[in-house]
């Protein structure tokens, strides 16, 4: 995985892999509109089923503008993930700058009623540019 556009975290035996892709066919750099797809894979490495209840995402563009995205489930679903199984989805994120970051958490509940947060590690959304954001002094 390219470390610039992906992340992987394990929290409470739930692994979250995230990656992004710039969508030039939906973007208009001259108008400062950059569109990204991001793909999330959630793997239950624990011994109980878990249900994804809600999400809390933080999108930060390269100008430091923050957008908090919260709500129930993901892509209209509140998936239940059995031990050893995975759930995958793809969603989209518009930005007004050539690059930004996305990170956050999912709130989960186990079969025994235990409620906990699972981390989504920070990953970059990188658009139409050859310049790497870290090398250009972006967030580290």
C-alpha atoms as a PDB file:
ATOM      1  CA  UNK A   1       0.000   0.000   0.000  1.00  0.00           C
ATOM      2  CA  UNK A   2       1.168   3.508  -0.778  1.00  0.00           C
ATOM      3  CA  UNK A   3       1.610   5.143   2.628  1.00  0.00           C
ATOM      4  CA  UNK A   4       0.588   8.544   1.255  1.00  0.00           C
ATOM      5  CA  UNK A   5      -2.916   7.474   0.264  1.00  0.00           C
ATOM      6  CA  UNK A   6      -3.645   4.654   2.704  1.00  0.00           C
ATOM      7  CA  UNK A   7      -3.750   3.771   6.378  1.00  0.00           C
ATOM      8  CA  UNK A   8      -4.257   0.709   8.547  1.00  0.00           C
ATOM      9  CA  UNK A   9      -5.177   0.590  12.245  1.00  0.00           C
ATOM     10  CA  UNK A  10      -6.290  -2.116  14.668  1.00  0.00           C
ATOM     11  CA  UNK A  11      -8.474  -1.091  17.613  1.00  0.00           C
ATOM     12  CA  UNK A  12     -10.192  -3.587  19.937  1.00  0.00           C
ATOM     13  CA  UNK A  13      -9.508  -6.442  17.456  1.00  0.00           C
ATOM     14  CA  UNK A  14     -11.102  -4.570  14.548  1.00  0.00           C
ATOM     15  CA  UNK A  15      -8.769  -3.752  11.644  1.00  0.00           C
ATOM     16  CA  UNK A  16      -9.594  -0.760   9.427  1.00  0.00           C
ATOM     17  CA  UNK A  17      -7.784  -0.317   6.123  1.00  0.00           C
ATOM     18  CA  UNK A  18      -8.423   2.861   4.168  1.00  0.00           C
ATOM     19  CA  UNK A  19      -7.187   4.030   0.787  1.00  0.00           C
ATOM     20  CA  UNK A  20      -8.049   6.847  -1.583  1.00  0.00           C
ATOM     21  CA  UNK A  21      -8.021   7.514  -5.283  1.00  0.00           C
ATOM     22  CA  UNK A  22      -8.233  10.805  -7.164  1.00  0.00           C
ATOM     23  CA  UNK A  23     -11.072  10.907  -9.712  1.00  0.00           C
ATOM     24  CA  UNK A  24      -9.928  13.252 -12.503  1.00  0.00           C
ATOM     25  CA  UNK A  25     -13.046  12.550 -14.592  1.00  0.00           C
ATOM     26  CA  UNK A  26     -15.202  14.130 -11.848  1.00  0.00           C
ATOM     27  CA  UNK A  27     -12.768  16.921 -10.954  1.00  0.00           C
ATOM     28  CA  UNK A  28     -12.189  20.393 -12.347  1.00  0.00           C
ATOM     29  CA  UNK A  29      -8.778  21.678 -11.176  1.00  0.00           C
ATOM     30  CA  UNK A  30      -9.280  25.047 -12.911  1.00  0.00           C
ATOM     31  CA  UNK A  31     -12.372  25.567 -10.719  1.00  0.00           C
ATOM     32  CA  UNK A  32     -10.684  24.168  -7.577  1.00  0.00           C
ATOM     33  CA  UNK A  33     -12.974  21.114  -7.471  1.00  0.00           C
ATOM     34  CA  UNK A  34     -11.191  17.851  -6.676  1.00  0.00           C
ATOM     35  CA  UNK A  35     -13.145  14.631  -6.221  1.00  0.00           C
ATOM     36  CA  UNK A  36     -11.867  11.505  -4.468  1.00  0.00           C
ATOM     37  CA  UNK A  37     -13.079   7.983  -3.850  1.00  0.00           C
ATOM     38  CA  UNK A  38     -12.023   6.265  -0.662  1.00  0.00           C
ATOM     39  CA  UNK A  39     -12.289   2.571   0.056  1.00  0.00           C
ATOM     40  CA  UNK A  40     -12.633   1.169   3.577  1.00  0.00           C
ATOM     41  CA  UNK A  41     -12.168  -2.466   4.612  1.00  0.00           C
ATOM     42  CA  UNK A  42     -13.227  -3.408   8.151  1.00  0.00           C
ATOM     43  CA  UNK A  43     -12.061  -6.815   9.427  1.00  0.00           C
ATOM     44  CA  UNK A  44     -13.296  -8.354  12.665  1.00  0.00           C
ATOM     45  CA  UNK A  45     -10.308 -10.132  14.233  1.00  0.00           C
ATOM     46  CA  UNK A  46     -12.085 -10.604  17.561  1.00  0.00           C
ATOM     47  CA  UNK A  47     -14.174 -13.426  19.015  1.00  0.00           C
ATOM     48  CA  UNK A  48     -17.592 -11.681  18.991  1.00  0.00           C
ATOM     49  CA  UNK A  49     -19.655 -10.147  16.222  1.00  0.00           C
ATOM     50  CA  UNK A  50     -19.524  -6.363  15.994  1.00  0.00           C
ATOM     51  CA  UNK A  51     -22.030  -3.947  14.523  1.00  0.00           C
ATOM     52  CA  UNK A  52     -21.003  -0.605  13.027  1.00  0.00           C
ATOM     53  CA  UNK A  53     -23.376   1.926  14.573  1.00  0.00           C
ATOM     54  CA  UNK A  54     -22.047   5.324  13.463  1.00  0.00           C
ATOM     55  CA  UNK A  55     -19.137   7.190  11.928  1.00  0.00           C
ATOM     56  CA  UNK A  56     -17.228  10.359  12.746  1.00  0.00           C
ATOM     57  CA  UNK A  57     -14.908  11.557   9.995  1.00  0.00           C
ATOM     58  CA  UNK A  58     -12.659  14.587   9.850  1.00  0.00           C
ATOM     59  CA  UNK A  59     -11.682  15.917   6.435  1.00  0.00           C
ATOM     60  CA  UNK A  60      -9.006  18.627   6.369  1.00  0.00           C
ATOM     61  CA  UNK A  61      -8.028  20.351   3.125  1.00  0.00           C
ATOM     62  CA  UNK A  62      -4.553  21.739   2.454  1.00  0.00           C
ATOM     63  CA  UNK A  63      -5.697  25.223   3.561  1.00  0.00           C
ATOM     64  CA  UNK A  64      -6.604  23.813   6.993  1.00  0.00           C
ATOM     65  CA  UNK A  65     -10.370  23.988   6.399  1.00  0.00           C
ATOM     66  CA  UNK A  66     -12.028  21.232   8.476  1.00  0.00           C
ATOM     67  CA  UNK A  67     -15.230  19.374   7.701  1.00  0.00           C
ATOM     68  CA  UNK A  68     -16.686  17.031  10.335  1.00  0.00           C
ATOM     69  CA  UNK A  69     -18.883  14.249   8.902  1.00  0.00           C
ATOM     70  CA  UNK A  70     -21.009  12.315  11.403  1.00  0.00           C
ATOM     71  CA  UNK A  71     -23.987  10.044  11.140  1.00  0.00           C
ATOM     72  CA  UNK A  72     -25.419   6.574  11.503  1.00  0.00           C
ATOM     73  CA  UNK A  73     -23.695   3.684   9.754  1.00  0.00           C
ATOM     74  CA  UNK A  74     -21.877   3.971   6.446  1.00  0.00           C
ATOM     75  CA  UNK A  75     -23.306   4.195   2.912  1.00  0.00           C
ATOM     76  CA  UNK A  76     -26.813   3.655   4.313  1.00  0.00           C
ATOM     77  CA  UNK A  77     -25.875   0.484   6.202  1.00  0.00           C
ATOM     78  CA  UNK A  78     -25.128  -0.557   9.777  1.00  0.00           C
ATOM     79  CA  UNK A  79     -23.294  -3.788   9.002  1.00  0.00           C
ATOM     80  CA  UNK A  80     -22.850  -6.612  11.459  1.00  0.00           C
ATOM     81  CA  UNK A  81     -19.452  -8.264  11.049  1.00  0.00           C
ATOM     82  CA  UNK A  82     -18.945 -11.784  12.398  1.00  0.00           C
ATOM     83  CA  UNK A  83     -15.554 -12.952  13.727  1.00  0.00           C
ATOM     84  CA  UNK A  84     -13.164 -13.534  10.825  1.00  0.00           C
ATOM     85  CA  UNK A  85     -15.346 -11.614   8.355  1.00  0.00           C
ATOM     86  CA  UNK A  86     -14.877  -8.282   6.609  1.00  0.00           C
ATOM     87  CA  UNK A  87     -17.086  -5.497   5.338  1.00  0.00           C
ATOM     88  CA  UNK A  88     -15.977  -3.211   2.522  1.00  0.00           C
ATOM     89  CA  UNK A  89     -17.412  -0.032   1.098  1.00  0.00           C
ATOM     90  CA  UNK A  90     -16.470   2.871  -1.128  1.00  0.00           C
ATOM     91  CA  UNK A  91     -17.543   6.452  -0.612  1.00  0.00           C
ATOM     92  CA  UNK A  92     -16.619   9.835  -2.034  1.00  0.00           C
ATOM     93  CA  UNK A  93     -15.159  13.128  -0.850  1.00  0.00           C
ATOM     94  CA  UNK A  94     -15.007  16.484  -2.658  1.00  0.00           C
ATOM     95  CA  UNK A  95     -12.263  18.984  -1.808  1.00  0.00           C
ATOM     96  CA  UNK A  96     -11.611  22.572  -2.820  1.00  0.00           C
ATOM     97  CA  UNK A  97      -7.834  22.044  -2.713  1.00  0.00           C
ATOM     98  CA  UNK A  98      -5.481  19.661  -4.530  1.00  0.00           C
ATOM     99  CA  UNK A  99      -4.910  17.570  -1.431  1.00  0.00           C
ATOM    100  CA  UNK A 100      -6.152  16.971   2.080  1.00  0.00           C
ATOM    101  CA  UNK A 101      -6.485  14.291   4.721  1.00  0.00           C
ATOM    102  CA  UNK A 102      -9.237  12.096   6.080  1.00  0.00           C
ATOM    103  CA  UNK A 103      -9.324  10.324   9.465  1.00  0.00           C
ATOM    104  CA  UNK A 104     -11.838   9.457  12.144  1.00  0.00           C
ATOM    105  CA  UNK A 105     -13.576   6.620  13.909  1.00  0.00           C
ATOM    106  CA  UNK A 106     -16.453   4.176  13.799  1.00  0.00           C
ATOM    107  CA  UNK A 107     -18.602   3.511  16.845  1.00  0.00           C
ATOM    108  CA  UNK A 108     -19.178  -0.225  17.212  1.00  0.00           C
ATOM    109  CA  UNK A 109     -21.164  -2.465  19.528  1.00  0.00           C
ATOM    110  CA  UNK A 110     -20.333  -6.087  20.369  1.00  0.00           C
ATOM    111  CA  UNK A 111     -22.826  -8.894  20.918  1.00  0.00           C
ATOM    112  CA  UNK A 112     -22.341  -8.471  24.684  1.00  0.00           C
ATOM    113  CA  UNK A 113     -23.424  -4.798  24.468  1.00  0.00           C
ATOM    114  CA  UNK A 114     -19.917  -3.325  24.812  1.00  0.00           C
ATOM    115  CA  UNK A 115     -19.761  -0.038  22.866  1.00  0.00           C
ATOM    116  CA  UNK A 116     -16.359   1.130  21.619  1.00  0.00           C
ATOM    117  CA  UNK A 117     -14.676   3.327  19.027  1.00  0.00           C
ATOM    118  CA  UNK A 118     -12.480   2.003  16.232  1.00  0.00           C
ATOM    119  CA  UNK A 119      -9.867   4.324  14.753  1.00  0.00           C
ATOM    120  CA  UNK A 120      -9.627   5.212  11.061  1.00  0.00           C
ATOM    121  CA  UNK A 121      -5.998   6.268  10.618  1.00  0.00           C
ATOM    122  CA  UNK A 122      -5.193   9.445   8.721  1.00  0.00           C
ATOM    123  CA  UNK A 123      -4.642   9.059   4.996  1.00  0.00           C
ATOM    124  CA  UNK A 124      -4.074  11.567   2.214  1.00  0.00           C
ATOM    125  CA  UNK A 125      -6.422  12.593  -0.557  1.00  0.00           C
ATOM    126  CA  UNK A 126      -4.021  13.685  -3.303  1.00  0.00           C
ATOM    127  CA  UNK A 127      -5.266  15.267  -6.521  1.00  0.00           C
ATOM    128  CA  UNK A 128      -3.840  16.590  -9.747  1.00  0.00           C
ATOM    129  CA  UNK A 129      -0.302  17.383  -8.664  1.00  0.00           C
ATOM    130  CA  UNK A 130       3.124  15.808  -8.827  1.00  0.00           C
ATOM    131  CA  UNK A 131       4.075  17.423  -5.536  1.00  0.00           C
ATOM    132  CA  UNK A 132       3.948  15.171  -2.454  1.00  0.00           C
ATOM    133  CA  UNK A 133       2.204  17.040   0.419  1.00  0.00           C
ATOM    134  CA  UNK A 134       4.646  15.930   3.131  1.00  0.00           C
ATOM    135  CA  UNK A 135       7.618  17.074   1.053  1.00  0.00           C
ATOM    136  CA  UNK A 136       5.800  20.369   0.474  1.00  0.00           C
ATOM    137  CA  UNK A 137       5.391  20.978   4.208  1.00  0.00           C
ATOM    138  CA  UNK A 138       1.926  19.450   4.576  1.00  0.00           C
ATOM    139  CA  UNK A 139       0.690  17.582   7.653  1.00  0.00           C
ATOM    140  CA  UNK A 140       2.803  14.737   8.951  1.00  0.00           C
END
